[in-house]
Amino acid sequence: MGVHVIKLPDVGEGVAEAELVEWMVKLGDNVMEDQILAAVMTDKATVEIPSPVIGKVIWVGAKAGDTVAVGSPIVKLDVDGPGNAKDGETAAAKAAKDGSAARAAKDDSAAKAAPRAEAKTAAPAPKAEAKPAAKSPAPAVVTSGAPRKEGEKPLASPAVRKRAADAGVDLRRVPGTGPAGRILHEDLDAFFEHGSTAPVGARGRSPDMSVKEIPVIGLR
């Protein structure tokens, strides 16, 4: 097993550096020969960097938006053969690979431990005490006088009858709230306030208010 270092190639005459625009691979990816690894941009054009060998990405030397000098290492691959890296570059790549694996294992352990810690520290929610429902007040009962049968003579004292006669009110139209439907002075007051005070004609019929036209004969 070896390490193959891929450096930023000379992408144009007189070009000393280029901006890394986009990575097409990430750490841990297996790449094939001639697979595009990244894209860089110069003042003249955008150039894609292919992989010359088959291997696994174990190190990247820049991130998107960084400016990289021509000839600088940009990515290292773990390959089956001896690779092209020097001893120092190989050791650095191996350390980076081991460090990435250690960080991944640590993050995984922390993620597994977090739910257990939350389960221990979570306190049970207090139970809400049920409050007795407030009793609604009983509905008020409205009493009214007993209804009179049709044709039944209304019951009232002489004073009430005189007061009704003076006001032209037919007592048969006034509801009574007294015992046995007797009409009281309060009933007359309520009738005057909410009812009708129009006088009633003879025999309980309303007066005829219609207008009759009488033709006059003999006038020229």
Protein backbone atom coordinates (compact mmCIF):
# COMPACT_ATOMS: atom_id res chain seq x y z
CA MET A 1 0.00 0.00 0.00
CA GLY A 2 1.26 3.45 -0.85
CA VAL A 3 0.22 7.07 -1.16
CA HIS A 4 -0.15 8.89 -4.45
CA VAL A 5 0.06 12.69 -4.24
CA ILE A 6 -1.76 14.73 -6.88
CA LYS A 7 -0.53 18.30 -7.28
CA LEU A 8 -2.06 21.25 -9.07
CA PRO A 9 -0.67 20.99 -12.60
CA ASP A 10 0.41 23.84 -14.86
CA VAL A 11 -3.00 24.87 -16.20
CA GLY A 12 -1.80 27.58 -18.58
CA GLU A 13 1.16 29.56 -19.76
CA GLY A 14 2.17 32.17 -17.24
CA VAL A 15 -0.38 30.95 -14.65
CA ALA A 16 1.11 30.70 -11.14
CA GLU A 17 -2.03 29.91 -9.15
CA ALA A 18 -5.69 28.99 -9.52
CA GLU A 19 -8.85 29.10 -7.45
CA LEU A 20 -10.33 25.76 -6.41
CA VAL A 21 -13.96 26.08 -7.53
CA GLU A 22 -15.48 22.71 -6.64
CA TRP A 23 -14.61 19.28 -5.28
CA MET A 24 -16.10 16.31 -7.11
CA VAL A 25 -14.99 13.84 -4.39
CA LYS A 26 -14.67 13.80 -0.59
CA LEU A 27 -12.65 12.00 2.06
CA GLY A 28 -13.19 8.26 1.95
CA ASP A 29 -14.37 8.14 -1.67
CA ASN A 30 -12.96 5.48 -3.97
CA VAL A 31 -11.94 6.97 -7.31
CA MET A 32 -11.20 5.43 -10.66
CA GLU A 33 -8.49 6.36 -13.12
CA ASP A 34 -9.34 9.51 -15.12
CA GLN A 35 -12.22 10.32 -12.73
CA ILE A 36 -12.59 14.09 -12.20
CA LEU A 37 -11.45 15.08 -8.71
CA ALA A 38 -11.87 18.86 -8.70
CA ALA A 39 -12.33 21.94 -10.86
CA VAL A 40 -10.05 24.99 -10.70
CA MET A 41 -10.43 28.39 -12.34
CA THR A 42 -7.80 30.76 -13.65
CA ASP A 43 -8.06 34.16 -15.28
CA LYS A 44 -8.40 32.42 -18.62
CA ALA A 45 -10.50 29.28 -18.12
CA THR A 46 -11.93 26.61 -15.79
CA VAL A 47 -9.93 23.37 -15.76
CA GLU A 48 -10.92 19.94 -14.41
CA ILE A 49 -8.30 17.88 -12.54
CA PRO A 50 -8.54 14.09 -13.22
CA SER A 51 -7.09 11.26 -11.16
CA PRO A 52 -4.17 9.48 -12.85
CA VAL A 53 -4.58 6.34 -10.70
CA ILE A 54 -7.14 4.19 -8.88
CA GLY A 55 -7.27 4.79 -5.14
CA LYS A 56 -9.10 6.10 -2.08
CA VAL A 57 -9.17 9.76 -1.03
CA ILE A 58 -7.36 10.10 2.32
CA TRP A 59 -6.45 13.82 2.30
CA VAL A 60 -7.49 17.07 0.62
CA GLY A 61 -5.30 20.15 0.74
CA ALA A 62 -7.81 22.92 0.09
CA LYS A 63 -11.47 23.76 0.19
CA ALA A 64 -13.71 25.39 -2.39
CA GLY A 65 -12.80 29.06 -2.76
CA ASP A 66 -9.13 28.66 -1.77
CA THR A 67 -6.32 29.83 -4.03
CA VAL A 68 -3.76 27.10 -4.71
CA ALA A 69 -0.28 27.61 -6.16
CA VAL A 70 0.77 25.57 -9.17
CA GLY A 71 2.70 22.49 -7.99
CA SER A 72 1.07 22.39 -4.53
CA PRO A 73 -0.49 19.08 -3.35
CA ILE A 74 -4.27 19.20 -3.52
CA VAL A 75 -5.27 15.57 -2.85
CA LYS A 76 -3.68 12.28 -1.72
CA LEU A 77 -4.89 8.81 -2.61
CA ASP A 78 -4.29 5.49 -0.88
CA VAL A 79 -3.23 3.14 -3.69
CA ASP A 80 -2.32 -0.54 -3.98
CA GLY A 81 1.16 0.13 -5.36
CA PRO A 82 4.08 1.99 -3.80
CA GLY A 83 2.69 5.40 -4.80
CA ASN A 84 4.73 8.51 -5.56
CA ALA A 85 4.81 10.18 -2.15
CA LYS A 86 8.03 10.76 -0.25
CA ASP A 87 8.47 9.34 3.26
CA GLY A 88 7.42 12.58 4.96
CA GLU A 89 4.35 12.96 2.77
CA THR A 90 3.40 9.32 3.35
CA ALA A 91 3.64 9.68 7.14
CA ALA A 92 1.60 12.89 7.08
CA ALA A 93 -1.08 11.29 4.91
CA LYS A 94 -1.25 8.26 7.20
CA ALA A 95 -1.56 10.47 10.27
CA ALA A 96 -4.33 12.45 8.62
CA LYS A 97 -6.13 9.22 7.73
CA ASP A 98 -5.80 7.86 11.28
CA GLY A 99 -6.92 11.18 12.74
CA SER A 100 -10.02 11.23 10.54
CA ALA A 101 -10.91 7.69 11.60
CA ALA A 102 -10.39 8.56 15.29
CA ARG A 103 -12.59 11.66 15.01
CA ALA A 104 -15.31 9.64 13.30
CA ALA A 105 -15.22 6.99 16.05
CA LYS A 106 -15.32 9.67 18.77
CA ASP A 107 -18.27 11.43 17.16
CA ASP A 108 -20.11 8.12 16.86
CA SER A 109 -19.52 7.32 20.55
CA ALA A 110 -20.70 10.77 21.61
CA ALA A 111 -23.84 10.42 19.51
CA LYS A 112 -24.67 7.08 21.16
CA ALA A 113 -24.01 8.39 24.69
CA ALA A 114 -26.14 11.52 24.29
CA PRO A 115 -29.57 9.78 24.40
CA ARG A 116 -28.59 7.86 27.56
CA ALA A 117 -27.48 11.04 29.32
CA GLU A 118 -30.69 12.81 28.36
CA ALA A 119 -32.75 9.88 29.64
CA LYS A 120 -31.03 10.06 33.06
CA THR A 121 -31.31 13.82 33.50
CA ALA A 122 -34.84 14.20 32.23
CA ALA A 123 -37.15 14.77 35.17
CA PRO A 124 -40.72 13.48 35.06
CA ALA A 125 -43.23 16.15 34.24
CA PRO A 126 -45.41 17.16 37.22
CA LYS A 127 -48.93 15.87 37.10
CA ALA A 128 -51.53 18.52 36.62
CA GLU A 129 -54.06 18.66 39.44
CA ALA A 130 -57.60 18.33 38.24
CA LYS A 131 -59.69 21.23 39.44
CA PRO A 132 -63.38 20.64 40.12
CA ALA A 133 -65.56 22.15 37.48
CA ALA A 134 -67.37 25.27 38.59
CA LYS A 135 -71.05 24.71 39.03
CA SER A 136 -73.13 26.80 36.70
CA PRO A 137 -75.92 28.78 38.36
CA ALA A 138 -79.37 27.31 38.09
CA PRO A 139 -81.45 29.01 35.42
CA ALA A 140 -83.91 31.55 36.72
CA VAL A 141 -87.51 30.43 36.63
CA VAL A 142 -89.89 33.01 35.23
CA THR A 143 -93.40 32.73 36.53
CA SER A 144 -96.37 34.01 34.64
CA GLY A 145 -100.07 34.11 35.27
CA ALA A 146 -102.21 31.13 34.44
CA PRO A 147 -103.55 31.37 30.89
CA ARG A 148 -107.26 32.04 30.55
CA LYS A 149 -109.54 29.90 28.48
CA GLU A 150 -111.22 31.44 25.48
CA GLY A 151 -114.37 33.29 26.55
CA GLU A 152 -113.42 33.19 30.24
CA LYS A 153 -114.01 36.44 32.14
CA PRO A 154 -110.75 37.94 33.44
CA LEU A 155 -110.34 38.21 37.21
CA ALA A 156 -109.51 41.67 38.54
CA SER A 157 -110.35 43.94 41.45
CA PRO A 158 -112.84 46.81 40.93
CA ALA A 159 -109.97 49.31 41.10
CA VAL A 160 -108.10 47.49 38.35
CA ARG A 161 -111.26 47.25 36.24
CA LYS A 162 -111.95 50.99 36.64
CA ARG A 163 -108.37 51.87 35.75
CA ALA A 164 -108.54 49.67 32.66
CA ALA A 165 -111.90 51.13 31.63
CA ASP A 166 -110.57 54.69 32.02
CA ALA A 167 -107.63 53.78 29.79
CA GLY A 168 -109.85 52.01 27.25
CA VAL A 169 -108.10 48.67 27.75
CA ASP A 170 -109.86 45.35 27.31
CA LEU A 171 -108.79 43.24 30.30
CA ARG A 172 -109.11 40.10 28.17
CA ARG A 173 -105.93 41.23 26.41
CA VAL A 174 -103.96 41.71 29.64
CA PRO A 175 -102.13 38.64 31.04
CA GLY A 176 -102.55 38.24 34.78
CA THR A 177 -99.81 37.13 37.16
CA GLY A 178 -101.87 36.97 40.35
CA PRO A 179 -103.47 33.90 41.90
CA ALA A 180 -105.69 32.02 39.43
CA GLY A 181 -104.58 34.47 36.70
CA ARG A 182 -105.91 37.56 38.52
CA ILE A 183 -104.89 40.83 36.85
CA LEU A 184 -102.96 43.13 39.18
CA HIS A 185 -101.99 46.79 38.92
CA GLU A 186 -98.46 45.62 38.02
CA ASP A 187 -99.92 43.70 35.08
CA LEU A 188 -101.61 46.86 33.82
CA ASP A 189 -98.35 48.80 34.22
CA ALA A 190 -96.51 46.17 32.18
CA PHE A 191 -99.26 46.20 29.55
CA PHE A 192 -99.12 50.00 29.28
CA GLU A 193 -95.34 49.86 28.91
CA HIS A 194 -95.07 46.99 26.43
CA GLY A 195 -98.59 46.39 25.16
CA SER A 196 -101.23 48.44 23.33
CA THR A 197 -103.40 51.15 24.90
CA ALA A 198 -105.73 51.54 21.93
CA PRO A 199 -109.38 51.45 23.08
CA VAL A 200 -111.42 48.41 22.19
CA GLY A 201 -114.83 48.85 20.54
CA ALA A 202 -118.08 47.40 21.70
CA ARG A 203 -118.29 43.63 22.18
CA GLY A 204 -114.52 43.38 22.15
CA ARG A 205 -114.12 44.33 18.46
CA SER A 206 -111.69 47.01 17.36
CA PRO A 207 -113.32 50.12 15.87
CA ASP A 208 -113.61 50.22 12.10
CA MET A 209 -110.96 52.68 10.94
CA SER A 210 -111.56 52.18 7.19
CA VAL A 211 -112.57 55.15 5.00
CA LYS A 212 -115.71 54.89 2.88
CA GLU A 213 -116.25 57.10 -0.16
CA ILE A 214 -119.84 58.44 -0.62
CA PRO A 215 -120.54 59.74 -4.12
CA VAL A 216 -122.24 63.17 -4.30
CA ILE A 217 -124.91 63.42 -6.99
CA GLY A 218 -126.18 66.65 -8.52
CA LEU A 219 -123.03 68.75 -8.32
CA ARG A 220 -121.66 70.21 -11.52
